[in-house]
């Protein structure tokens, strides 16, 4: 099993970021099992990006270290930017609104 906190010589910030990436990867695996299999690749991507926004926002709200909180807040902006761009692509390619996929959560 992956233990991102067990590496010697890696600064604390890098270990915590590695741990977040590990958790995101585990969540994506769970989400894959929950998907009905009829979603388009863009719909699946929208779901992943919404998940990334939610997780990173939660981490930012609950992080006591101001430096790490700032890093998570920057990450939320990056994740939201990805979600916004994929939503626009989804609307252009599939002619449907992304709100149907993310249930207006991001709005």
PDB file of N, CA and C in Angstrom:
ATOM      1  N   UNK A   1       0.839  -1.185   0.000  1.00  0.00           N
ATOM      2  CA  UNK A   1       0.000   0.000   0.000  1.00  0.00           C
ATOM      3  C   UNK A   1       0.882   1.245   0.000  1.00  0.00           C
ATOM      4  N   UNK A   2       0.441   2.244  -0.703  1.00  0.00           N
ATOM      5  CA  UNK A   2       1.171   3.503  -0.823  1.00  0.00           C
ATOM      6  C   UNK A   2       1.072   4.276   0.483  1.00  0.00           C
ATOM      7  N   UNK A   3       2.208   4.686   1.002  1.00  0.00           N
ATOM      8  CA  UNK A   3       2.229   5.500   2.212  1.00  0.00           C
ATOM      9  C   UNK A   3       3.005   6.771   1.911  1.00  0.00           C
ATOM     10  N   UNK A   4       2.312   7.851   1.496  1.00  0.00           N
ATOM     11  CA  UNK A   4       3.021   9.062   1.104  1.00  0.00           C
ATOM     12  C   UNK A   4       3.689   9.778   2.264  1.00  0.00           C
ATOM     13  N   UNK A   5       3.344   9.435   3.485  1.00  0.00           N
ATOM     14  CA  UNK A   5       3.938  10.123   4.630  1.00  0.00           C
ATOM     15  C   UNK A   5       5.177   9.410   5.140  1.00  0.00           C
ATOM     16  N   UNK A   6       5.541   8.296   4.526  1.00  0.00           N
ATOM     17  CA  UNK A   6       6.664   7.522   5.023  1.00  0.00           C
ATOM     18  C   UNK A   6       7.980   7.784   4.335  1.00  0.00           C
ATOM     19  N   UNK A   7       8.011   8.696   3.392  1.00  0.00           N
ATOM     20  CA  UNK A   7       9.240   8.977   2.655  1.00  0.00           C
ATOM     21  C   UNK A   7      10.126   9.932   3.453  1.00  0.00           C
ATOM     22  N   UNK A   8      11.330   9.545   3.683  1.00  0.00           N
ATOM     23  CA  UNK A   8      12.280  10.404   4.410  1.00  0.00           C
ATOM     24  C   UNK A   8      12.883  11.416   3.448  1.00  0.00           C
ATOM     25  N   UNK A   9      13.117  12.603   3.933  1.00  0.00           N
ATOM     26  CA  UNK A   9      13.791  13.613   3.134  1.00  0.00           C
ATOM     27  C   UNK A   9      12.879  14.434   2.243  1.00  0.00           C
ATOM     28  N   UNK A  10      11.598  14.093   2.166  1.00  0.00           N
ATOM     29  CA  UNK A  10      10.663  14.872   1.354  1.00  0.00           C
ATOM     30  C   UNK A  10      10.022  15.914   2.258  1.00  0.00           C
ATOM     31  N   UNK A  11      10.047  17.171   1.857  1.00  0.00           N
ATOM     32  CA  UNK A  11       9.437  18.206   2.694  1.00  0.00           C
ATOM     33  C   UNK A  11       7.959  17.915   2.954  1.00  0.00           C
ATOM     34  N   UNK A  12       7.477  18.407   4.064  1.00  0.00           N
ATOM     35  CA  UNK A  12       6.098  18.173   4.485  1.00  0.00           C
ATOM     36  C   UNK A  12       5.104  18.573   3.410  1.00  0.00           C
ATOM     37  N   UNK A  13       5.283  19.716   2.758  1.00  0.00           N
ATOM     38  CA  UNK A  13       4.339  20.170   1.747  1.00  0.00           C
ATOM     39  C   UNK A  13       4.231  19.171   0.603  1.00  0.00           C
ATOM     40  N   UNK A  14       5.337  18.662   0.139  1.00  0.00           N
ATOM     41  CA  UNK A  14       5.317  17.697  -0.960  1.00  0.00           C
ATOM     42  C   UNK A  14       4.650  16.398  -0.534  1.00  0.00           C
ATOM     43  N   UNK A  15       4.860  15.986   0.703  1.00  0.00           N
ATOM     44  CA  UNK A  15       4.219  14.765   1.191  1.00  0.00           C
ATOM     45  C   UNK A  15       2.708  14.940   1.253  1.00  0.00           C
ATOM     46  N   UNK A  16       2.263  16.084   1.715  1.00  0.00           N
ATOM     47  CA  UNK A  16       0.826  16.315   1.804  1.00  0.00           C
ATOM     48  C   UNK A  16       0.184  16.400   0.422  1.00  0.00           C
ATOM     49  N   UNK A  17       0.855  17.029  -0.509  1.00  0.00           N
ATOM     50  CA  UNK A  17       0.337  17.095  -1.880  1.00  0.00           C
ATOM     51  C   UNK A  17       0.293  15.690  -2.481  1.00  0.00           C
ATOM     52  N   UNK A  18       1.307  14.906  -2.240  1.00  0.00           N
ATOM     53  CA  UNK A  18       1.313  13.524  -2.727  1.00  0.00           C
ATOM     54  C   UNK A  18       0.154  12.733  -2.125  1.00  0.00           C
ATOM     55  N   UNK A  19      -0.123  12.982  -0.860  1.00  0.00           N
ATOM     56  CA  UNK A  19      -1.225  12.288  -0.202  1.00  0.00           C
ATOM     57  C   UNK A  19      -2.561  12.692  -0.822  1.00  0.00           C
ATOM     58  N   UNK A  20      -2.741  13.978  -1.112  1.00  0.00           N
ATOM     59  CA  UNK A  20      -3.975  14.439  -1.746  1.00  0.00           C
ATOM     60  C   UNK A  20      -4.136  13.792  -3.112  1.00  0.00           C
ATOM     61  N   UNK A  21      -3.065  13.713  -3.870  1.00  0.00           N
ATOM     62  CA  UNK A  21      -3.137  13.073  -5.188  1.00  0.00           C
ATOM     63  C   UNK A  21      -3.502  11.594  -5.063  1.00  0.00           C
ATOM     64  N   UNK A  22      -2.965  10.949  -4.060  1.00  0.00           N
ATOM     65  CA  UNK A  22      -3.294   9.549  -3.817  1.00  0.00           C
ATOM     66  C   UNK A  22      -4.786   9.393  -3.512  1.00  0.00           C
ATOM     67  N   UNK A  23      -5.316  10.255  -2.652  1.00  0.00           N
ATOM     68  CA  UNK A  23      -6.738  10.201  -2.297  1.00  0.00           C
ATOM     69  C   UNK A  23      -7.597  10.480  -3.528  1.00  0.00           C
ATOM     70  N   UNK A  24      -7.223  11.467  -4.338  1.00  0.00           N
ATOM     71  CA  UNK A  24      -7.976  11.756  -5.562  1.00  0.00           C
ATOM     72  C   UNK A  24      -7.996  10.547  -6.484  1.00  0.00           C
ATOM     73  N   UNK A  25      -6.858   9.861  -6.607  1.00  0.00           N
ATOM     74  CA  UNK A  25      -6.788   8.674  -7.439  1.00  0.00           C
ATOM     75  C   UNK A  25      -7.726   7.594  -6.917  1.00  0.00           C
ATOM     76  N   UNK A  26      -7.755   7.404  -5.600  1.00  0.00           N
ATOM     77  CA  UNK A  26      -8.655   6.410  -5.004  1.00  0.00           C
ATOM     78  C   UNK A  26     -10.112   6.787  -5.258  1.00  0.00           C
ATOM     79  N   UNK A  27     -10.433   8.073  -5.163  1.00  0.00           N
ATOM     80  CA  UNK A  27     -11.805   8.515  -5.422  1.00  0.00           C
ATOM     81  C   UNK A  27     -12.191   8.266  -6.870  1.00  0.00           C
ATOM     82  N   UNK A  28     -11.256   8.508  -7.785  1.00  0.00           N
ATOM     83  CA  UNK A  28     -11.556   8.268  -9.194  1.00  0.00           C
ATOM     84  C   UNK A  28     -11.842   6.791  -9.446  1.00  0.00           C
ATOM     85  N   UNK A  29     -11.118   5.918  -8.785  1.00  0.00           N
ATOM     86  CA  UNK A  29     -11.387   4.479  -8.933  1.00  0.00           C
ATOM     87  C   UNK A  29     -12.777   4.128  -8.438  1.00  0.00           C
ATOM     88  N   UNK A  30     -13.173   4.705  -7.318  1.00  0.00           N
ATOM     89  CA  UNK A  30     -14.518   4.457  -6.785  1.00  0.00           C
ATOM     90  C   UNK A  30     -15.566   5.005  -7.739  1.00  0.00           C
ATOM     91  N   UNK A  31     -15.338   6.225  -8.238  1.00  0.00           N
ATOM     92  CA  UNK A  31     -16.289   6.829  -9.167  1.00  0.00           C
ATOM     93  C   UNK A  31     -16.419   5.967 -10.416  1.00  0.00           C
ATOM     94  N   UNK A  32     -15.325   5.400 -10.908  1.00  0.00           N
ATOM     95  CA  UNK A  32     -15.389   4.534 -12.085  1.00  0.00           C
ATOM     96  C   UNK A  32     -16.354   3.373 -11.876  1.00  0.00           C
ATOM     97  N   UNK A  33     -16.346   2.808 -10.694  1.00  0.00           N
ATOM     98  CA  UNK A  33     -17.245   1.684 -10.406  1.00  0.00           C
ATOM     99  C   UNK A  33     -18.692   2.142 -10.302  1.00  0.00           C
ATOM    100  N   UNK A  34     -18.915   3.392  -9.958  1.00  0.00           N
ATOM    101  CA  UNK A  34     -20.277   3.896  -9.797  1.00  0.00           C
ATOM    102  C   UNK A  34     -20.899   4.382 -11.104  1.00  0.00           C
ATOM    103  N   UNK A  35     -20.074   4.635 -12.100  1.00  0.00           N
ATOM    104  CA  UNK A  35     -20.589   5.148 -13.369  1.00  0.00           C
ATOM    105  C   UNK A  35     -21.369   4.049 -14.100  1.00  0.00           C
ATOM    106  N   UNK A  36     -22.479   4.402 -14.723  1.00  0.00           N
ATOM    107  CA  UNK A  36     -23.297   3.391 -15.385  1.00  0.00           C
ATOM    108  C   UNK A  36     -22.695   2.850 -16.677  1.00  0.00           C
ATOM    109  N   UNK A  37     -21.660   3.476 -17.195  1.00  0.00           N
ATOM    110  CA  UNK A  37     -21.034   2.975 -18.410  1.00  0.00           C
ATOM    111  C   UNK A  37     -21.636   3.549 -19.675  1.00  0.00           C
ATOM    112  N   UNK A  38     -22.624   4.403 -19.544  1.00  0.00           N
ATOM    113  CA  UNK A  38     -23.237   4.995 -20.734  1.00  0.00           C
ATOM    114  C   UNK A  38     -22.830   6.459 -20.910  1.00  0.00           C
ATOM    115  N   UNK A  39     -21.986   6.947 -20.032  1.00  0.00           N
ATOM    116  CA  UNK A  39     -21.532   8.333 -20.128  1.00  0.00           C
ATOM    117  C   UNK A  39     -20.496   8.478 -21.226  1.00  0.00           C
ATOM    118  N   UNK A  40     -20.524   9.635 -21.865  1.00  0.00           N
ATOM    119  CA  UNK A  40     -19.493   9.942 -22.842  1.00  0.00           C
ATOM    120  C   UNK A  40     -18.197  10.274 -22.095  1.00  0.00           C
ATOM    121  N   UNK A  41     -17.064  10.247 -22.790  1.00  0.00           N
ATOM    122  CA  UNK A  41     -15.816  10.646 -22.126  1.00  0.00           C
ATOM    123  C   UNK A  41     -15.876  12.053 -21.540  1.00  0.00           C
ATOM    124  N   UNK A  42     -16.555  12.978 -22.208  1.00  0.00           N
ATOM    125  CA  UNK A  42     -16.674  14.333 -21.669  1.00  0.00           C
ATOM    126  C   UNK A  42     -17.542  14.362 -20.409  1.00  0.00           C
ATOM    127  N   UNK A  43     -18.597  13.571 -20.376  1.00  0.00           N
ATOM    128  CA  UNK A  43     -19.435  13.513 -19.175  1.00  0.00           C
ATOM    129  C   UNK A  43     -18.648  12.937 -17.999  1.00  0.00           C
ATOM    130  N   UNK A  44     -17.853  11.917 -18.270  1.00  0.00           N
ATOM    131  CA  UNK A  44     -17.011  11.333 -17.225  1.00  0.00           C
ATOM    132  C   UNK A  44     -15.995  12.354 -16.727  1.00  0.00           C
ATOM    133  N   UNK A  45     -15.394  13.096 -17.647  1.00  0.00           N
ATOM    134  CA  UNK A  45     -14.408  14.110 -17.284  1.00  0.00           C
ATOM    135  C   UNK A  45     -15.051  15.210 -16.446  1.00  0.00           C
ATOM    136  N   UNK A  46     -16.251  15.625 -16.809  1.00  0.00           N
ATOM    137  CA  UNK A  46     -16.958  16.630 -16.018  1.00  0.00           C
ATOM    138  C   UNK A  46     -17.186  16.134 -14.591  1.00  0.00           C
ATOM    139  N   UNK A  47     -17.535  14.868 -14.455  1.00  0.00           N
ATOM    140  CA  UNK A  47     -17.723  14.300 -13.121  1.00  0.00           C
ATOM    141  C   UNK A  47     -16.437  14.310 -12.314  1.00  0.00           C
ATOM    142  N   UNK A  48     -15.328  13.942 -12.949  1.00  0.00           N
ATOM    143  CA  UNK A  48     -14.036  13.960 -12.257  1.00  0.00           C
ATOM    144  C   UNK A  48     -13.644  15.375 -11.839  1.00  0.00           C
ATOM    145  N   UNK A  49     -13.850  16.322 -12.728  1.00  0.00           N
ATOM    146  CA  UNK A  49     -13.478  17.702 -12.413  1.00  0.00           C
ATOM    147  C   UNK A  49     -14.355  18.260 -11.290  1.00  0.00           C
ATOM    148  N   UNK A  50     -15.637  17.924 -11.293  1.00  0.00           N
ATOM    149  CA  UNK A  50     -16.502  18.360 -10.198  1.00  0.00           C
ATOM    150  C   UNK A  50     -16.019  17.753  -8.883  1.00  0.00           C
ATOM    151  N   UNK A  51     -15.616  16.493  -8.939  1.00  0.00           N
ATOM    152  CA  UNK A  51     -15.087  15.813  -7.752  1.00  0.00           C
ATOM    153  C   UNK A  51     -13.815  16.510  -7.266  1.00  0.00           C
ATOM    154  N   UNK A  52     -12.948  16.893  -8.188  1.00  0.00           N
ATOM    155  CA  UNK A  52     -11.706  17.577  -7.815  1.00  0.00           C
ATOM    156  C   UNK A  52     -12.002  18.931  -7.163  1.00  0.00           C
ATOM    157  N   UNK A  53     -12.974  19.670  -7.707  1.00  0.00           N
ATOM    158  CA  UNK A  53     -13.353  20.958  -7.122  1.00  0.00           C
ATOM    159  C   UNK A  53     -13.858  20.744  -5.697  1.00  0.00           C
ATOM    160  N   UNK A  54     -14.747  19.782  -5.532  1.00  0.00           N
ATOM    161  CA  UNK A  54     -15.325  19.523  -4.205  1.00  0.00           C
ATOM    162  C   UNK A  54     -14.264  19.115  -3.192  1.00  0.00           C
ATOM    163  N   UNK A  55     -13.399  18.188  -3.577  1.00  0.00           N
ATOM    164  CA  UNK A  55     -12.378  17.692  -2.649  1.00  0.00           C
ATOM    165  C   UNK A  55     -11.381  18.790  -2.286  1.00  0.00           C
ATOM    166  N   UNK A  56     -10.898  19.518  -3.269  1.00  0.00           N
ATOM    167  CA  UNK A  56      -9.900  20.542  -3.002  1.00  0.00           C
ATOM    168  C   UNK A  56     -10.499  21.688  -2.190  1.00  0.00           C
ATOM    169  N   UNK A  57     -11.754  22.029  -2.457  1.00  0.00           N
ATOM    170  CA  UNK A  57     -12.415  23.072  -1.668  1.00  0.00           C
ATOM    171  C   UNK A  57     -12.569  22.624  -0.213  1.00  0.00           C
ATOM    172  N   UNK A  58     -12.930  21.364  -0.009  1.00  0.00           N
ATOM    173  CA  UNK A  58     -13.057  20.846   1.354  1.00  0.00           C
ATOM    174  C   UNK A  58     -11.709  20.896   2.073  1.00  0.00           C
ATOM    175  N   UNK A  59     -10.648  20.490   1.372  1.00  0.00           N
ATOM    176  CA  UNK A  59      -9.312  20.528   1.968  1.00  0.00           C
ATOM    177  C   UNK A  59      -8.921  21.962   2.335  1.00  0.00           C
ATOM    178  N   UNK A  60      -9.219  22.914   1.454  1.00  0.00           N
ATOM    179  CA  UNK A  60      -8.879  24.312   1.731  1.00  0.00           C
ATOM    180  C   UNK A  60      -9.633  24.833   2.951  1.00  0.00           C
ATOM    181  N   UNK A  61     -10.898  24.469   3.075  1.00  0.00           N
ATOM    182  CA  UNK A  61     -11.696  24.937   4.218  1.00  0.00           C
ATOM    183  C   UNK A  61     -11.220  24.341   5.540  1.00  0.00           C
ATOM    184  N   UNK A  62     -10.665  23.144   5.497  1.00  0.00           N
ATOM    185  CA  UNK A  62     -10.310  22.436   6.728  1.00  0.00           C
ATOM    186  C   UNK A  62      -8.816  22.418   7.028  1.00  0.00           C
ATOM    187  N   UNK A  63      -8.021  23.107   6.229  1.00  0.00           N
ATOM    188  CA  UNK A  63      -6.570  23.124   6.437  1.00  0.00           C
ATOM    189  C   UNK A  63      -6.195  24.198   7.459  1.00  0.00           C
ATOM    190  N   UNK A  64      -5.583  23.809   8.583  1.00  0.00           N
ATOM    191  CA  UNK A  64      -5.212  24.799   9.585  1.00  0.00           C
ATOM    192  C   UNK A  64      -3.971  25.627   9.215  1.00  0.00           C
ATOM    193  N   UNK A  65      -3.076  25.059   8.422  1.00  0.00           N
ATOM    194  CA  UNK A  65      -1.848  25.758   8.042  1.00  0.00           C
ATOM    195  C   UNK A  65      -2.173  26.782   6.947  1.00  0.00           C
ATOM    196  N   UNK A  66      -1.938  28.078   7.199  1.00  0.00           N
ATOM    197  CA  UNK A  66      -2.294  29.109   6.216  1.00  0.00           C
ATOM    198  C   UNK A  66      -1.578  28.949   4.878  1.00  0.00           C
ATOM    199  N   UNK A  67      -0.329  28.485   4.916  1.00  0.00           N
ATOM    200  CA  UNK A  67       0.428  28.303   3.674  1.00  0.00           C
ATOM    201  C   UNK A  67      -0.200  27.197   2.824  1.00  0.00           C
ATOM    202  N   UNK A  68      -0.518  26.083   3.443  1.00  0.00           N
ATOM    203  CA  UNK A  68      -1.141  24.987   2.706  1.00  0.00           C
ATOM    204  C   UNK A  68      -2.557  25.353   2.268  1.00  0.00           C
ATOM    205  N   UNK A  69      -3.283  26.086   3.114  1.00  0.00           N
ATOM    206  CA  UNK A  69      -4.629  26.521   2.740  1.00  0.00           C
ATOM    207  C   UNK A  69      -4.569  27.356   1.464  1.00  0.00           C
ATOM    208  N   UNK A  70      -3.585  28.236   1.391  1.00  0.00           N
ATOM    209  CA  UNK A  70      -3.429  29.066   0.200  1.00  0.00           C
ATOM    210  C   UNK A  70      -3.141  28.200  -1.030  1.00  0.00           C
ATOM    211  N   UNK A  71      -2.327  27.160  -0.857  1.00  0.00           N
ATOM    212  CA  UNK A  71      -2.039  26.261  -1.972  1.00  0.00           C
ATOM    213  C   UNK A  71      -3.304  25.534  -2.423  1.00  0.00           C
ATOM    214  N   UNK A  72      -4.113  25.078  -1.469  1.00  0.00           N
ATOM    215  CA  UNK A  72      -5.369  24.402  -1.819  1.00  0.00           C
ATOM    216  C   UNK A  72      -6.347  25.365  -2.493  1.00  0.00           C
ATOM    217  N   UNK A  73      -6.379  26.608  -2.014  1.00  0.00           N
ATOM    218  CA  UNK A  73      -7.264  27.597  -2.629  1.00  0.00           C
ATOM    219  C   UNK A  73      -6.855  27.859  -4.074  1.00  0.00           C
ATOM    220  N   UNK A  74      -5.556  27.885  -4.327  1.00  0.00           N
ATOM    221  CA  UNK A  74      -5.087  28.022  -5.708  1.00  0.00           C
ATOM    222  C   UNK A  74      -5.499  26.796  -6.516  1.00  0.00           C
ATOM    223  N   UNK A  75      -5.389  25.615  -5.903  1.00  0.00           N
ATOM    224  CA  UNK A  75      -5.791  24.381  -6.577  1.00  0.00           C
ATOM    225  C   UNK A  75      -7.263  24.371  -6.939  1.00  0.00           C
ATOM    226  N   UNK A  76      -8.106  24.929  -6.065  1.00  0.00           N
ATOM    227  CA  UNK A  76      -9.539  25.007  -6.364  1.00  0.00           C
ATOM    228  C   UNK A  76      -9.757  25.846  -7.619  1.00  0.00           C
ATOM    229  N   UNK A  77      -9.052  26.960  -7.712  1.00  0.00           N
ATOM    230  CA  UNK A  77      -9.195  27.803  -8.902  1.00  0.00           C
ATOM    231  C   UNK A  77      -8.784  27.052 -10.166  1.00  0.00           C
ATOM    232  N   UNK A  78      -7.712  26.302 -10.072  1.00  0.00           N
ATOM    233  CA  UNK A  78      -7.250  25.524 -11.226  1.00  0.00           C
ATOM    234  C   UNK A  78      -8.262  24.436 -11.589  1.00  0.00           C
ATOM    235  N   UNK A  79      -8.768  23.733 -10.588  1.00  0.00           N
ATOM    236  CA  UNK A  79      -9.767  22.692 -10.845  1.00  0.00           C
ATOM    237  C   UNK A  79     -11.042  23.291 -11.432  1.00  0.00           C
ATOM    238  N   UNK A  80     -11.466  24.434 -10.893  1.00  0.00           N
ATOM    239  CA  UNK A  80     -12.661  25.084 -11.413  1.00  0.00           C
ATOM    240  C   UNK A  80     -12.456  25.538 -12.853  1.00  0.00           C
ATOM    241  N   UNK A  81     -11.263  26.031 -13.165  1.00  0.00           N
ATOM    242  CA  UNK A  81     -10.954  26.436 -14.539  1.00  0.00           C
ATOM    243  C   UNK A  81     -11.080  25.240 -15.481  1.00  0.00           C
ATOM    244  N   UNK A  82     -10.555  24.097 -15.058  1.00  0.00           N
ATOM    245  CA  UNK A  82     -10.678  22.889 -15.889  1.00  0.00           C
ATOM    246  C   UNK A  82     -12.145  22.514 -16.085  1.00  0.00           C
ATOM    247  N   UNK A  83     -12.913  22.554 -15.003  1.00  0.00           N
ATOM    248  CA  UNK A  83     -14.335  22.215 -15.090  1.00  0.00           C
ATOM    249  C   UNK A  83     -15.059  23.166 -16.042  1.00  0.00           C
ATOM    250  N   UNK A  84     -14.766  24.439 -15.931  1.00  0.00           N
ATOM    251  CA  UNK A  84     -15.403  25.442 -16.788  1.00  0.00           C
ATOM    252  C   UNK A  84     -15.074  25.184 -18.261  1.00  0.00           C
ATOM    253  N   UNK A  85     -13.816  24.894 -18.551  1.00  0.00           N
ATOM    254  CA  UNK A  85     -13.413  24.658 -19.948  1.00  0.00           C
ATOM    255  C   UNK A  85     -14.034  23.380 -20.500  1.00  0.00           C
ATOM    256  N   UNK A  86     -14.055  22.319 -19.703  1.00  0.00           N
ATOM    257  CA  UNK A  86     -14.689  21.077 -20.157  1.00  0.00           C
ATOM    258  C   UNK A  86     -16.188  21.256 -20.341  1.00  0.00           C
ATOM    259  N   UNK A  87     -16.816  22.063 -19.480  1.00  0.00           N
ATOM    260  CA  UNK A  87     -18.245  22.326 -19.628  1.00  0.00           C
ATOM    261  C   UNK A  87     -18.531  23.047 -20.940  1.00  0.00           C
ATOM    262  N   UNK A  88     -17.682  24.008 -21.288  1.00  0.00           N
ATOM    263  CA  UNK A  88     -17.849  24.706 -22.566  1.00  0.00           C
ATOM    264  C   UNK A  88     -17.636  23.761 -23.744  1.00  0.00           C
ATOM    265  N   UNK A  89     -16.627  22.910 -23.660  1.00  0.00           N
ATOM    266  CA  UNK A  89     -16.380  21.935 -24.727  1.00  0.00           C
ATOM    267  C   UNK A  89     -17.556  20.978 -24.855  1.00  0.00           C
ATOM    268  N   UNK A  90     -18.078  20.533 -23.727  1.00  0.00           N
ATOM    269  CA  UNK A  90     -19.232  19.625 -23.715  1.00  0.00           C
ATOM    270  C   UNK A  90     -20.427  20.268 -24.418  1.00  0.00           C
ATOM    271  N   UNK A  91     -20.663  21.538 -24.131  1.00  0.00           N
ATOM    272  CA  UNK A  91     -21.785  22.226 -24.761  1.00  0.00           C
ATOM    273  C   UNK A  91     -21.562  22.367 -26.271  1.00  0.00           C
ATOM    274  N   UNK A  92     -20.328  22.633 -26.679  1.00  0.00           N
ATOM    275  CA  UNK A  92     -20.037  22.788 -28.110  1.00  0.00           C
ATOM    276  C   UNK A  92     -20.121  21.461 -28.848  1.00  0.00           C
ATOM    277  N   UNK A  93     -19.568  20.402 -28.259  1.00  0.00           N
ATOM    278  CA  UNK A  93     -19.484  19.112 -28.945  1.00  0.00           C
ATOM    279  C   UNK A  93     -20.798  18.339 -28.870  1.00  0.00           C
ATOM    280  N   UNK A  94     -21.372  18.253 -27.675  1.00  0.00           N
ATOM    281  CA  UNK A  94     -22.553  17.409 -27.490  1.00  0.00           C
ATOM    282  C   UNK A  94     -23.859  18.189 -27.463  1.00  0.00           C
ATOM    283  N   UNK A  95     -23.766  19.523 -27.545  1.00  0.00           N
ATOM    284  CA  UNK A  95     -24.944  20.384 -27.585  1.00  0.00           C
ATOM    285  C   UNK A  95     -25.877  20.181 -26.382  1.00  0.00           C
ATOM    286  N   UNK A  96     -25.264  19.950 -25.224  1.00  0.00           N
ATOM    287  CA  UNK A  96     -26.035  19.806 -23.983  1.00  0.00           C
ATOM    288  C   UNK A  96     -25.371  20.638 -22.903  1.00  0.00           C
ATOM    289  N   UNK A  97     -26.123  20.988 -21.895  1.00  0.00           N
ATOM    290  CA  UNK A  97     -25.608  21.791 -20.787  1.00  0.00           C
ATOM    291  C   UNK A  97     -24.915  20.894 -19.769  1.00  0.00           C
ATOM    292  N   UNK A  98     -23.788  21.363 -19.233  1.00  0.00           N
ATOM    293  CA  UNK A  98     -23.031  20.609 -18.235  1.00  0.00           C
ATOM    294  C   UNK A  98     -23.791  20.492 -16.918  1.00  0.00           C
ATOM    295  N   UNK A  99     -24.742  21.398 -16.683  1.00  0.00           N
ATOM    296  CA  UNK A  99     -25.510  21.346 -15.434  1.00  0.00           C
ATOM    297  C   UNK A  99     -26.243  20.020 -15.277  1.00  0.00           C
ATOM    298  N   UNK A 100     -26.557  19.369 -16.388  1.00  0.00           N
ATOM    299  CA  UNK A 100     -27.230  18.071 -16.319  1.00  0.00           C
ATOM    300  C   UNK A 100     -26.296  16.991 -15.770  1.00  0.00           C
ATOM    301  N   UNK A 101     -25.000  17.188 -15.933  1.00  0.00           N
ATOM    302  CA  UNK A 101     -24.013  16.213 -15.452  1.00  0.00           C
ATOM    303  C   UNK A 101     -23.622  16.508 -14.001  1.00  0.00           C
ATOM    304  N   UNK A 102     -23.363  17.768 -13.684  1.00  0.00           N
ATOM    305  CA  UNK A 102     -22.884  18.124 -12.347  1.00  0.00           C
ATOM    306  C   UNK A 102     -24.001  18.576 -11.414  1.00  0.00           C
ATOM    307  N   UNK A 103     -25.239  18.498 -11.864  1.00  0.00           N
ATOM    308  CA  UNK A 103     -26.409  18.825 -11.045  1.00  0.00           C
ATOM    309  C   UNK A 103     -26.338  20.229 -10.449  1.00  0.00           C
ATOM    310  N   UNK A 104     -25.843  21.175 -11.194  1.00  0.00           N
ATOM    311  CA  UNK A 104     -25.773  22.571 -10.798  1.00  0.00           C
ATOM    312  C   UNK A 104     -24.988  22.752  -9.491  1.00  0.00           C
ATOM    313  N   UNK A 105     -24.122  21.802  -9.153  1.00  0.00           N
ATOM    314  CA  UNK A 105     -23.352  21.893  -7.922  1.00  0.00           C
ATOM    315  C   UNK A 105     -22.358  23.045  -7.948  1.00  0.00           C
ATOM    316  N   UNK A 106     -21.699  23.220  -9.062  1.00  0.00           N
ATOM    317  CA  UNK A 106     -20.652  24.234  -9.155  1.00  0.00           C
ATOM    318  C   UNK A 106     -21.243  25.630  -9.225  1.00  0.00           C
ATOM    319  N   UNK A 107     -22.404  25.778  -9.820  1.00  0.00           N
ATOM    320  CA  UNK A 107     -23.015  27.091  -9.930  1.00  0.00           C
ATOM    321  C   UNK A 107     -23.228  27.668  -8.552  1.00  0.00           C
TER     322      UNK A 107
END
